Each structure stands twice: as structure tokens, then as C-alpha cells.
């Protein structure tokens, strides 16, 4: 009986050690894969492709918020409602600052 418990204990320890070793190496393998150039991405890595996409989206958001802020300001000046629209204009200016810098 003690021999059976010992064998089960050794198998359990080996399983836990294998699980820990795999969990430690898996993130490293994913990072390596994400940095490899891929033909389907025109020779870019997944990380480079994601960075390019993120830059494009930020540029579009910058453009959109800049136009919205300018339009809100012009409308407030035209309607003489600068005080009433100040909160909206400030929020748009914060978004412009966030996405354009």
C-alpha cells in the first residue's frame, strides 16, 4: 500500500512539474511566434501588423475628434452658446489630446 502511494505521489509530482514547465514556456513561445515575419502579412510580424493597425485607428480617431471639436467650437461661436457648450467642447479637446499626441 505504501509503495502504491509512493508511486502515485511521484506521478503527481511529475505531472505538476510538467504542467509548470509548460505554462512557463508557452508565453515565451507565443512571443517568439508573434515576432516572426509572416508571408501572409507581407513579411511583417503579427506585432508589427497590430502596431500599424493601432496607429491607423488612432490617426482616424484624431482626425474625427479634431473635426468634431472644430465644428462644436464654430457652432458655439455662431450660436453664442460658448458657456453652455463648454463642457462638450472641453471633452472633445481632451479626446483630441488623447488621440493626437
C-alpha atoms as a PDB file:
ATOM      1  CA  UNK A   1       0.000   0.000   0.000  1.00  0.00           C
ATOM      2  CA  UNK A   2       2.819   2.394   0.873  1.00  0.00           C
ATOM      3  CA  UNK A   3       4.521   1.536  -2.425  1.00  0.00           C
ATOM      4  CA  UNK A   4       1.325   2.439  -4.338  1.00  0.00           C
ATOM      5  CA  UNK A   5       1.031   5.763  -2.526  1.00  0.00           C
ATOM      6  CA  UNK A   6       4.703   6.492  -3.283  1.00  0.00           C
ATOM      7  CA  UNK A   7       4.266   5.771  -6.988  1.00  0.00           C
ATOM      8  CA  UNK A   8       1.111   7.879  -7.155  1.00  0.00           C
ATOM      9  CA  UNK A   9       2.951  10.677  -5.332  1.00  0.00           C
ATOM     10  CA  UNK A  10       5.864  10.553  -7.802  1.00  0.00           C
ATOM     11  CA  UNK A  11       3.480  10.584 -10.765  1.00  0.00           C
ATOM     12  CA  UNK A  12       1.618  13.537  -9.229  1.00  0.00           C
ATOM     13  CA  UNK A  13       4.840  15.487  -8.687  1.00  0.00           C
ATOM     14  CA  UNK A  14       5.971  14.717 -12.243  1.00  0.00           C
ATOM     15  CA  UNK A  15       2.621  15.890 -13.609  1.00  0.00           C
ATOM     16  CA  UNK A  16       2.757  19.133 -11.626  1.00  0.00           C
ATOM     17  CA  UNK A  17       6.354  19.755 -12.728  1.00  0.00           C
ATOM     18  CA  UNK A  18       5.425  19.159 -16.378  1.00  0.00           C
ATOM     19  CA  UNK A  19       2.429  21.486 -16.077  1.00  0.00           C
ATOM     20  CA  UNK A  20       4.535  24.259 -14.542  1.00  0.00           C
ATOM     21  CA  UNK A  21       7.276  23.829 -17.171  1.00  0.00           C
ATOM     22  CA  UNK A  22       4.722  24.040 -19.985  1.00  0.00           C
ATOM     23  CA  UNK A  23       2.989  27.092 -18.519  1.00  0.00           C
ATOM     24  CA  UNK A  24       6.312  28.893 -18.183  1.00  0.00           C
ATOM     25  CA  UNK A  25       7.428  28.119 -21.738  1.00  0.00           C
ATOM     26  CA  UNK A  26       4.104  28.734 -23.527  1.00  0.00           C
ATOM     27  CA  UNK A  27       4.135  32.561 -23.210  1.00  0.00           C
ATOM     28  CA  UNK A  28       7.724  32.664 -24.462  1.00  0.00           C
ATOM     29  CA  UNK A  29       6.756  30.549 -27.478  1.00  0.00           C
ATOM     30  CA  UNK A  30       3.809  32.844 -28.227  1.00  0.00           C
ATOM     31  CA  UNK A  31       6.047  35.920 -28.035  1.00  0.00           C
ATOM     32  CA  UNK A  32       8.511  34.309 -30.429  1.00  0.00           C
ATOM     33  CA  UNK A  33       5.714  33.438 -32.851  1.00  0.00           C
ATOM     34  CA  UNK A  34       4.280  36.962 -32.666  1.00  0.00           C
ATOM     35  CA  UNK A  35       7.692  38.389 -33.634  1.00  0.00           C
ATOM     36  CA  UNK A  36       8.243  36.095 -36.645  1.00  0.00           C
ATOM     37  CA  UNK A  37       7.747  37.541 -40.093  1.00  0.00           C
ATOM     38  CA  UNK A  38       4.793  36.049 -41.949  1.00  0.00           C
ATOM     39  CA  UNK A  39       4.285  35.897 -45.692  1.00  0.00           C
ATOM     40  CA  UNK A  40       0.524  36.351 -45.276  1.00  0.00           C
ATOM     41  CA  UNK A  41       1.190  39.704 -43.613  1.00  0.00           C
ATOM     42  CA  UNK A  42       3.514  40.915 -46.393  1.00  0.00           C
ATOM     43  CA  UNK A  43       6.612  39.983 -44.442  1.00  0.00           C
ATOM     44  CA  UNK A  44       5.541  41.714 -41.224  1.00  0.00           C
ATOM     45  CA  UNK A  45       5.209  40.072 -37.847  1.00  0.00           C
ATOM     46  CA  UNK A  46       1.892  39.935 -36.034  1.00  0.00           C
ATOM     47  CA  UNK A  47       3.175  42.526 -33.538  1.00  0.00           C
ATOM     48  CA  UNK A  48       4.196  44.901 -36.357  1.00  0.00           C
ATOM     49  CA  UNK A  49       0.854  44.419 -38.079  1.00  0.00           C
ATOM     50  CA  UNK A  50      -1.027  45.133 -34.847  1.00  0.00           C
ATOM     51  CA  UNK A  51       1.075  48.251 -34.205  1.00  0.00           C
ATOM     52  CA  UNK A  52       0.371  49.517 -37.735  1.00  0.00           C
ATOM     53  CA  UNK A  53      -3.365  48.902 -37.322  1.00  0.00           C
ATOM     54  CA  UNK A  54      -3.360  50.658 -33.963  1.00  0.00           C
ATOM     55  CA  UNK A  55      -1.558  53.673 -35.457  1.00  0.00           C
ATOM     56  CA  UNK A  56      -4.092  53.860 -38.305  1.00  0.00           C
ATOM     57  CA  UNK A  57      -7.031  53.735 -35.906  1.00  0.00           C
ATOM     58  CA  UNK A  58      -5.507  56.401 -33.653  1.00  0.00           C
ATOM     59  CA  UNK A  59      -4.919  58.648 -36.688  1.00  0.00           C
ATOM     60  CA  UNK A  60      -8.549  58.205 -37.785  1.00  0.00           C
ATOM     61  CA  UNK A  61      -9.796  58.945 -34.270  1.00  0.00           C
ATOM     62  CA  UNK A  62      -7.555  62.005 -34.069  1.00  0.00           C
ATOM     63  CA  UNK A  63      -8.951  63.275 -37.337  1.00  0.00           C
ATOM     64  CA  UNK A  64     -12.553  62.565 -36.325  1.00  0.00           C
ATOM     65  CA  UNK A  65     -12.257  64.223 -32.894  1.00  0.00           C
ATOM     66  CA  UNK A  66     -10.375  67.208 -34.317  1.00  0.00           C
ATOM     67  CA  UNK A  67     -13.146  67.809 -36.845  1.00  0.00           C
ATOM     68  CA  UNK A  68     -15.845  67.357 -34.193  1.00  0.00           C
ATOM     69  CA  UNK A  69     -14.093  69.773 -31.815  1.00  0.00           C
ATOM     70  CA  UNK A  70     -13.685  72.402 -34.515  1.00  0.00           C
ATOM     71  CA  UNK A  71     -17.309  72.004 -35.576  1.00  0.00           C
ATOM     72  CA  UNK A  72     -18.561  72.234 -31.974  1.00  0.00           C
ATOM     73  CA  UNK A  73     -16.477  75.355 -31.381  1.00  0.00           C
ATOM     74  CA  UNK A  74     -17.676  77.018 -34.597  1.00  0.00           C
ATOM     75  CA  UNK A  75     -21.296  76.167 -33.800  1.00  0.00           C
ATOM     76  CA  UNK A  76     -20.955  77.518 -30.239  1.00  0.00           C
ATOM     77  CA  UNK A  77     -19.433  80.771 -31.511  1.00  0.00           C
ATOM     78  CA  UNK A  78     -22.064  81.103 -34.216  1.00  0.00           C
ATOM     79  CA  UNK A  79     -24.945  80.458 -31.793  1.00  0.00           C
ATOM     80  CA  UNK A  80     -23.276  82.420 -28.985  1.00  0.00           C
ATOM     81  CA  UNK A  81     -23.537  79.414 -26.646  1.00  0.00           C
ATOM     82  CA  UNK A  82     -19.884  79.045 -25.700  1.00  0.00           C
ATOM     83  CA  UNK A  83     -20.628  78.943 -21.959  1.00  0.00           C
ATOM     84  CA  UNK A  84     -23.381  76.367 -22.363  1.00  0.00           C
ATOM     85  CA  UNK A  85     -21.317  74.166 -24.711  1.00  0.00           C
ATOM     86  CA  UNK A  86     -18.046  74.481 -22.767  1.00  0.00           C
ATOM     87  CA  UNK A  87     -18.278  71.014 -21.188  1.00  0.00           C
ATOM     88  CA  UNK A  88     -18.824  69.332 -24.568  1.00  0.00           C
ATOM     89  CA  UNK A  89     -16.018  71.326 -26.178  1.00  0.00           C
ATOM     90  CA  UNK A  90     -13.654  70.508 -23.298  1.00  0.00           C
ATOM     91  CA  UNK A  91     -14.433  66.799 -23.616  1.00  0.00           C
ATOM     92  CA  UNK A  92     -13.749  66.888 -27.351  1.00  0.00           C
ATOM     93  CA  UNK A  93     -10.492  68.746 -26.708  1.00  0.00           C
ATOM     94  CA  UNK A  94      -9.454  66.040 -24.209  1.00  0.00           C
ATOM     95  CA  UNK A  95     -10.160  63.373 -26.809  1.00  0.00           C
ATOM     96  CA  UNK A  96      -8.134  65.291 -29.402  1.00  0.00           C
ATOM     97  CA  UNK A  97      -5.257  65.491 -26.918  1.00  0.00           C
ATOM     98  CA  UNK A  98      -5.553  61.775 -26.177  1.00  0.00           C
ATOM     99  CA  UNK A  99      -5.578  60.532 -29.755  1.00  0.00           C
ATOM    100  CA  UNK A 100      -3.394  63.126 -31.468  1.00  0.00           C
ATOM    101  CA  UNK A 101      -0.413  63.048 -29.106  1.00  0.00           C
END
